[in-house]
Amino acid sequence: MPLPDDVRDSRDPVAALERLLLDRARAGVSHGLVLDVPGYGPLGLDDLAVEDETLVGVVTEEEISRVAERTAVLPKVARDEDGRWREVLADWENHDSAVPVTVDLYDALRLLEDETRSPQANIRLAAVGLASNIYFSLLSSRWLVDTSGGRHRWRPLKWCSRSWPMCAPGSPPGCPWWTARAP
């Protein structure tokens, strides 16, 4: 699929054809494209979801489609290793074309409340949240799991003047995982 950077900026006939192809891809291809999704059959882009790059390998395909309230995720066969598919979808979205729903980190954090998720899955997702500096979103979720399976909200012991969690004595320097305590 063409992208705006692929189209020549001139008045020659080839450039005009490239611009026409780009416009048709945005308007016609995106709305008419139907992909054969394993386990679901043919689906249009509006029926699909994709994960934000920060969530690759952190949430499952089932979780992505559930959070997005879509039938399935964009199949791997429609994704290239270089990530050009993301650029094409971003261009299409900027031009009111049909695109899958994107699940971003804030959307995915709702999964932390899912008591069927494993503690390891919650830790992976919470770690992405911490790495992205969205502590306050994590404060409202019961994502810490104790050995009995009980879930708890993360509560920092105290905050320093820079709004970074101060760790408990004996914990690694700057480690927010060690600042949690049960209610």
C-alpha atoms as a PDB file:
ATOM      1  CA  MET A   1       0.000   0.000   0.000  1.00  0.00           C
ATOM      2  CA  PRO A   2       1.343   3.425  -0.804  1.00  0.00           C
ATOM      3  CA  LEU A   3       2.146   6.017   1.850  1.00  0.00           C
ATOM      4  CA  PRO A   4       2.345   9.791   1.358  1.00  0.00           C
ATOM      5  CA  ASP A   5       6.175   9.680   1.424  1.00  0.00           C
ATOM      6  CA  ASP A   6       6.090   7.202  -1.463  1.00  0.00           C
ATOM      7  CA  VAL A   7       4.241   9.617  -3.749  1.00  0.00           C
ATOM      8  CA  ARG A   8       6.374  11.909  -5.892  1.00  0.00           C
ATOM      9  CA  ASP A   9       5.857  15.598  -5.448  1.00  0.00           C
ATOM     10  CA  SER A  10       5.614  16.711  -9.033  1.00  0.00           C
ATOM     11  CA  ARG A  11       3.123  17.309 -11.802  1.00  0.00           C
ATOM     12  CA  ASP A  12       4.147  14.453 -14.097  1.00  0.00           C
ATOM     13  CA  PRO A  13       1.620  11.729 -15.007  1.00  0.00           C
ATOM     14  CA  VAL A  14       3.319   9.080 -12.817  1.00  0.00           C
ATOM     15  CA  ALA A  15       3.017  11.288  -9.732  1.00  0.00           C
ATOM     16  CA  ALA A  16      -0.651  11.873 -10.531  1.00  0.00           C
ATOM     17  CA  LEU A  17      -1.222   8.113 -10.763  1.00  0.00           C
ATOM     18  CA  GLU A  18       0.602   7.578  -7.467  1.00  0.00           C
ATOM     19  CA  ARG A  19      -1.612  10.180  -5.751  1.00  0.00           C
ATOM     20  CA  LEU A  20      -4.705   8.549  -7.255  1.00  0.00           C
ATOM     21  CA  LEU A  21      -3.582   5.133  -6.013  1.00  0.00           C
ATOM     22  CA  LEU A  22      -2.997   6.565  -2.526  1.00  0.00           C
ATOM     23  CA  ASP A  23      -6.457   8.174  -2.469  1.00  0.00           C
ATOM     24  CA  ARG A  24      -8.118   4.954  -3.663  1.00  0.00           C
ATOM     25  CA  ALA A  25      -6.270   2.912  -1.058  1.00  0.00           C
ATOM     26  CA  ARG A  26      -7.456   5.255   1.678  1.00  0.00           C
ATOM     27  CA  ALA A  27     -11.074   5.389   0.540  1.00  0.00           C
ATOM     28  CA  GLY A  28     -11.825   2.162  -1.280  1.00  0.00           C
ATOM     29  CA  VAL A  29      -9.370  -0.474  -0.171  1.00  0.00           C
ATOM     30  CA  SER A  30      -9.697   0.225   3.540  1.00  0.00           C
ATOM     31  CA  HIS A  31     -13.494  -0.021   3.489  1.00  0.00           C
ATOM     32  CA  GLY A  32     -13.673  -3.003   1.139  1.00  0.00           C
ATOM     33  CA  LEU A  33     -10.779  -5.050   2.491  1.00  0.00           C
ATOM     34  CA  VAL A  34     -11.819  -8.411   3.947  1.00  0.00           C
ATOM     35  CA  LEU A  35      -9.226 -10.610   5.630  1.00  0.00           C
ATOM     36  CA  ASP A  36      -9.526 -14.317   6.298  1.00  0.00           C
ATOM     37  CA  VAL A  37      -8.965 -14.527  10.050  1.00  0.00           C
ATOM     38  CA  PRO A  38      -8.148 -18.031  11.320  1.00  0.00           C
ATOM     39  CA  GLY A  39     -10.970 -19.291  13.505  1.00  0.00           C
ATOM     40  CA  TYR A  40     -13.358 -16.493  12.484  1.00  0.00           C
ATOM     41  CA  GLY A  41     -13.487 -16.424   8.691  1.00  0.00           C
ATOM     42  CA  PRO A  42     -13.630 -13.286   6.546  1.00  0.00           C
ATOM     43  CA  LEU A  43     -13.697 -10.015   8.517  1.00  0.00           C
ATOM     44  CA  GLY A  44     -13.423  -6.353   7.570  1.00  0.00           C
ATOM     45  CA  LEU A  45     -11.018  -3.970   9.232  1.00  0.00           C
ATOM     46  CA  ASP A  46     -13.822  -2.506  11.376  1.00  0.00           C
ATOM     47  CA  ASP A  47     -14.270  -5.945  12.991  1.00  0.00           C
ATOM     48  CA  LEU A  48     -10.630  -6.169  14.058  1.00  0.00           C
ATOM     49  CA  ALA A  49      -8.325  -4.781  16.733  1.00  0.00           C
ATOM     50  CA  VAL A  50      -4.585  -4.160  16.999  1.00  0.00           C
ATOM     51  CA  GLU A  51      -2.352  -3.564  19.981  1.00  0.00           C
ATOM     52  CA  ASP A  52      -0.200  -0.510  20.539  1.00  0.00           C
ATOM     53  CA  GLU A  53       3.501  -1.228  20.065  1.00  0.00           C
ATOM     54  CA  THR A  54       4.068  -1.031  23.836  1.00  0.00           C
ATOM     55  CA  LEU A  55       1.758  -4.027  24.322  1.00  0.00           C
ATOM     56  CA  VAL A  56       3.376  -6.456  21.880  1.00  0.00           C
ATOM     57  CA  GLY A  57       4.070  -9.650  23.805  1.00  0.00           C
ATOM     58  CA  VAL A  58       2.397  -8.261  26.943  1.00  0.00           C
ATOM     59  CA  VAL A  59      -1.272  -9.020  26.263  1.00  0.00           C
ATOM     60  CA  THR A  60      -2.827 -11.897  24.355  1.00  0.00           C
ATOM     61  CA  GLU A  61      -4.793 -11.676  21.121  1.00  0.00           C
ATOM     62  CA  GLU A  62      -7.940 -12.668  23.009  1.00  0.00           C
ATOM     63  CA  GLU A  63      -7.360  -9.860  25.519  1.00  0.00           C
ATOM     64  CA  ILE A  64      -6.803  -7.333  22.738  1.00  0.00           C
ATOM     65  CA  SER A  65     -10.039  -8.233  20.967  1.00  0.00           C
ATOM     66  CA  ARG A  66     -11.958  -8.311  24.267  1.00  0.00           C
ATOM     67  CA  VAL A  67     -10.723  -4.875  25.392  1.00  0.00           C
ATOM     68  CA  ALA A  68     -11.465  -3.421  21.941  1.00  0.00           C
ATOM     69  CA  GLU A  69     -14.843  -5.177  21.828  1.00  0.00           C
ATOM     70  CA  ARG A  70     -14.007  -6.575  18.397  1.00  0.00           C
ATOM     71  CA  THR A  71     -14.294 -10.055  16.930  1.00  0.00           C
ATOM     72  CA  ALA A  72     -10.570 -10.703  16.481  1.00  0.00           C
ATOM     73  CA  VAL A  73      -7.174  -9.092  16.000  1.00  0.00           C
ATOM     74  CA  LEU A  74      -5.520  -8.167  12.722  1.00  0.00           C
ATOM     75  CA  PRO A  75      -4.003 -11.486  11.603  1.00  0.00           C
ATOM     76  CA  LYS A  76      -0.250 -11.913  11.511  1.00  0.00           C
ATOM     77  CA  VAL A  77      -0.389 -12.523   7.754  1.00  0.00           C
ATOM     78  CA  ALA A  78      -1.467  -8.870   7.335  1.00  0.00           C
ATOM     79  CA  ARG A  79       1.546  -7.591   9.312  1.00  0.00           C
ATOM     80  CA  ASP A  80       5.047  -7.196   7.961  1.00  0.00           C
ATOM     81  CA  GLU A  81       8.178  -7.473  10.100  1.00  0.00           C
ATOM     82  CA  ASP A  82       9.228  -3.878   9.394  1.00  0.00           C
ATOM     83  CA  GLY A  83       5.998  -2.458  10.809  1.00  0.00           C
ATOM     84  CA  ARG A  84       4.910  -0.737   7.615  1.00  0.00           C
ATOM     85  CA  TRP A  85       1.406  -2.057   8.311  1.00  0.00           C
ATOM     86  CA  ARG A  86       1.237   0.311  11.296  1.00  0.00           C
ATOM     87  CA  GLU A  87       2.197   3.253   9.083  1.00  0.00           C
ATOM     88  CA  VAL A  88      -0.453   2.330   6.513  1.00  0.00           C
ATOM     89  CA  LEU A  89      -3.149   2.037   9.194  1.00  0.00           C
ATOM     90  CA  ALA A  90      -2.061   5.338  10.783  1.00  0.00           C
ATOM     91  CA  ASP A  91      -2.309   7.065   7.397  1.00  0.00           C
ATOM     92  CA  TRP A  92      -5.722   5.542   6.756  1.00  0.00           C
ATOM     93  CA  GLU A  93      -6.934   6.582  10.210  1.00  0.00           C
ATOM     94  CA  ASN A  94      -5.827  10.168   9.551  1.00  0.00           C
ATOM     95  CA  HIS A  95      -8.012  10.164   6.424  1.00  0.00           C
ATOM     96  CA  ASP A  96     -11.225   8.703   7.882  1.00  0.00           C
ATOM     97  CA  SER A  97     -10.640   5.298   6.362  1.00  0.00           C
ATOM     98  CA  ALA A  98     -11.677   1.971   7.861  1.00  0.00           C
ATOM     99  CA  VAL A  99      -9.131   0.773  10.413  1.00  0.00           C
ATOM    100  CA  PRO A 100      -9.009  -1.709  13.278  1.00  0.00           C
ATOM    101  CA  VAL A 101      -9.503  -0.373  16.804  1.00  0.00           C
ATOM    102  CA  THR A 102      -6.155   0.227  18.501  1.00  0.00           C
ATOM    103  CA  VAL A 103      -5.819  -0.907  22.101  1.00  0.00           C
ATOM    104  CA  ASP A 104      -3.393   1.394  23.876  1.00  0.00           C
ATOM    105  CA  LEU A 105      -1.794   1.021  27.289  1.00  0.00           C
ATOM    106  CA  TYR A 106      -4.547   2.922  29.091  1.00  0.00           C
ATOM    107  CA  ASP A 107      -7.164   0.627  27.531  1.00  0.00           C
ATOM    108  CA  ALA A 108      -5.172  -2.473  28.422  1.00  0.00           C
ATOM    109  CA  LEU A 109      -4.773  -1.475  32.073  1.00  0.00           C
ATOM    110  CA  ARG A 110      -8.430  -2.471  32.547  1.00  0.00           C
ATOM    111  CA  LEU A 111      -7.167  -6.039  32.272  1.00  0.00           C
ATOM    112  CA  LEU A 112      -5.461  -5.649  35.648  1.00  0.00           C
ATOM    113  CA  GLU A 113      -8.885  -6.009  37.269  1.00  0.00           C
ATOM    114  CA  ASP A 114      -9.461  -9.377  35.552  1.00  0.00           C
ATOM    115  CA  GLU A 115      -9.080 -11.917  38.331  1.00  0.00           C
ATOM    116  CA  THR A 116      -8.588 -14.741  35.827  1.00  0.00           C
ATOM    117  CA  ARG A 117      -5.275 -13.260  34.646  1.00  0.00           C
ATOM    118  CA  SER A 118      -2.148 -14.776  36.116  1.00  0.00           C
ATOM    119  CA  PRO A 119       0.018 -12.744  38.488  1.00  0.00           C
ATOM    120  CA  GLN A 120       2.829 -12.948  35.912  1.00  0.00           C
ATOM    121  CA  ALA A 121       0.603 -11.460  33.199  1.00  0.00           C
ATOM    122  CA  ASN A 122      -0.412  -8.641  35.542  1.00  0.00           C
ATOM    123  CA  ILE A 123       3.196  -7.931  36.479  1.00  0.00           C
ATOM    124  CA  ARG A 124       4.194  -7.731  32.792  1.00  0.00           C
ATOM    125  CA  LEU A 125       1.370  -5.277  32.095  1.00  0.00           C
ATOM    126  CA  ALA A 126       1.996  -3.237  35.253  1.00  0.00           C
ATOM    127  CA  ALA A 127       5.710  -3.074  34.398  1.00  0.00           C
ATOM    128  CA  VAL A 128       4.846  -1.486  31.052  1.00  0.00           C
ATOM    129  CA  GLY A 129       2.645   0.989  32.914  1.00  0.00           C
ATOM    130  CA  LEU A 130       5.443   1.831  35.332  1.00  0.00           C
ATOM    131  CA  ALA A 131       7.950   2.182  32.487  1.00  0.00           C
ATOM    132  CA  SER A 132       5.514   4.590  30.838  1.00  0.00           C
ATOM    133  CA  ASN A 133       5.199   6.663  34.048  1.00  0.00           C
ATOM    134  CA  ILE A 134       1.480   6.158  34.524  1.00  0.00           C
ATOM    135  CA  TYR A 135       1.593   5.454  38.245  1.00  0.00           C
ATOM    136  CA  PHE A 136      -1.785   6.974  38.991  1.00  0.00           C
ATOM    137  CA  SER A 137      -3.572   4.560  36.667  1.00  0.00           C
ATOM    138  CA  LEU A 138      -1.932   1.699  38.532  1.00  0.00           C
ATOM    139  CA  LEU A 139      -3.021   3.103  41.887  1.00  0.00           C
ATOM    140  CA  SER A 140      -6.664   2.469  41.035  1.00  0.00           C
ATOM    141  CA  SER A 141      -6.229  -1.192  40.033  1.00  0.00           C
ATOM    142  CA  ARG A 142      -6.050  -4.287  42.199  1.00  0.00           C
ATOM    143  CA  TRP A 143      -3.140  -5.850  40.305  1.00  0.00           C
ATOM    144  CA  LEU A 144      -0.886  -7.085  43.104  1.00  0.00           C
ATOM    145  CA  VAL A 145      -1.548 -10.724  43.953  1.00  0.00           C
ATOM    146  CA  ASP A 146      -0.434 -12.268  47.237  1.00  0.00           C
ATOM    147  CA  THR A 147       0.343 -15.940  47.821  1.00  0.00           C
ATOM    148  CA  SER A 148      -3.270 -16.699  48.751  1.00  0.00           C
ATOM    149  CA  GLY A 149      -4.516 -15.245  45.459  1.00  0.00           C
ATOM    150  CA  GLY A 150      -5.856 -12.101  47.135  1.00  0.00           C
ATOM    151  CA  ARG A 151      -5.608  -8.945  45.084  1.00  0.00           C
ATOM    152  CA  HIS A 152      -4.481  -5.582  46.387  1.00  0.00           C
ATOM    153  CA  ARG A 153      -4.027  -2.042  45.144  1.00  0.00           C
ATOM    154  CA  TRP A 154      -0.501  -0.718  44.951  1.00  0.00           C
ATOM    155  CA  ARG A 155       0.005   1.958  47.581  1.00  0.00           C
ATOM    156  CA  PRO A 156       3.335   3.720  47.896  1.00  0.00           C
ATOM    157  CA  LEU A 157       4.642   4.012  51.442  1.00  0.00           C
ATOM    158  CA  LYS A 158       5.454   7.691  50.862  1.00  0.00           C
ATOM    159  CA  TRP A 159       6.276  10.061  48.039  1.00  0.00           C
ATOM    160  CA  CYS A 160       9.285  12.289  47.669  1.00  0.00           C
ATOM    161  CA  SER A 161       9.138  15.853  46.392  1.00  0.00           C
ATOM    162  CA  ARG A 162       9.677  14.671  42.780  1.00  0.00           C
ATOM    163  CA  SER A 163       6.614  12.372  42.970  1.00  0.00           C
ATOM    164  CA  TRP A 164       8.765   9.247  42.768  1.00  0.00           C
ATOM    165  CA  PRO A 165       7.944   6.416  45.159  1.00  0.00           C
ATOM    166  CA  MET A 166      10.332   6.086  48.062  1.00  0.00           C
ATOM    167  CA  CYS A 167      11.173   2.434  48.536  1.00  0.00           C
ATOM    168  CA  ALA A 168      10.943   0.563  51.797  1.00  0.00           C
ATOM    169  CA  PRO A 169      14.208  -0.148  53.672  1.00  0.00           C
ATOM    170  CA  GLY A 170      16.109  -3.021  52.089  1.00  0.00           C
ATOM    171  CA  SER A 171      14.458  -2.718  48.681  1.00  0.00           C
ATOM    172  CA  PRO A 172      16.406  -1.999  45.509  1.00  0.00           C
ATOM    173  CA  PRO A 173      16.999   1.727  44.891  1.00  0.00           C
ATOM    174  CA  GLY A 174      14.101   3.338  43.031  1.00  0.00           C
ATOM    175  CA  CYS A 175      12.153   0.082  42.746  1.00  0.00           C
ATOM    176  CA  PRO A 176       8.397   0.801  42.926  1.00  0.00           C
ATOM    177  CA  TRP A 177       7.583  -2.913  43.232  1.00  0.00           C
ATOM    178  CA  TRP A 178       8.885  -2.910  46.785  1.00  0.00           C
ATOM    179  CA  THR A 179       6.766   0.031  47.911  1.00  0.00           C
ATOM    180  CA  ALA A 180       3.480  -1.843  47.870  1.00  0.00           C
ATOM    181  CA  ARG A 181       1.614  -2.790  51.003  1.00  0.00           C
ATOM    182  CA  ALA A 182      -1.695  -4.519  51.559  1.00  0.00           C
ATOM    183  CA  PRO A 183      -4.604  -2.405  52.815  1.00  0.00           C
END
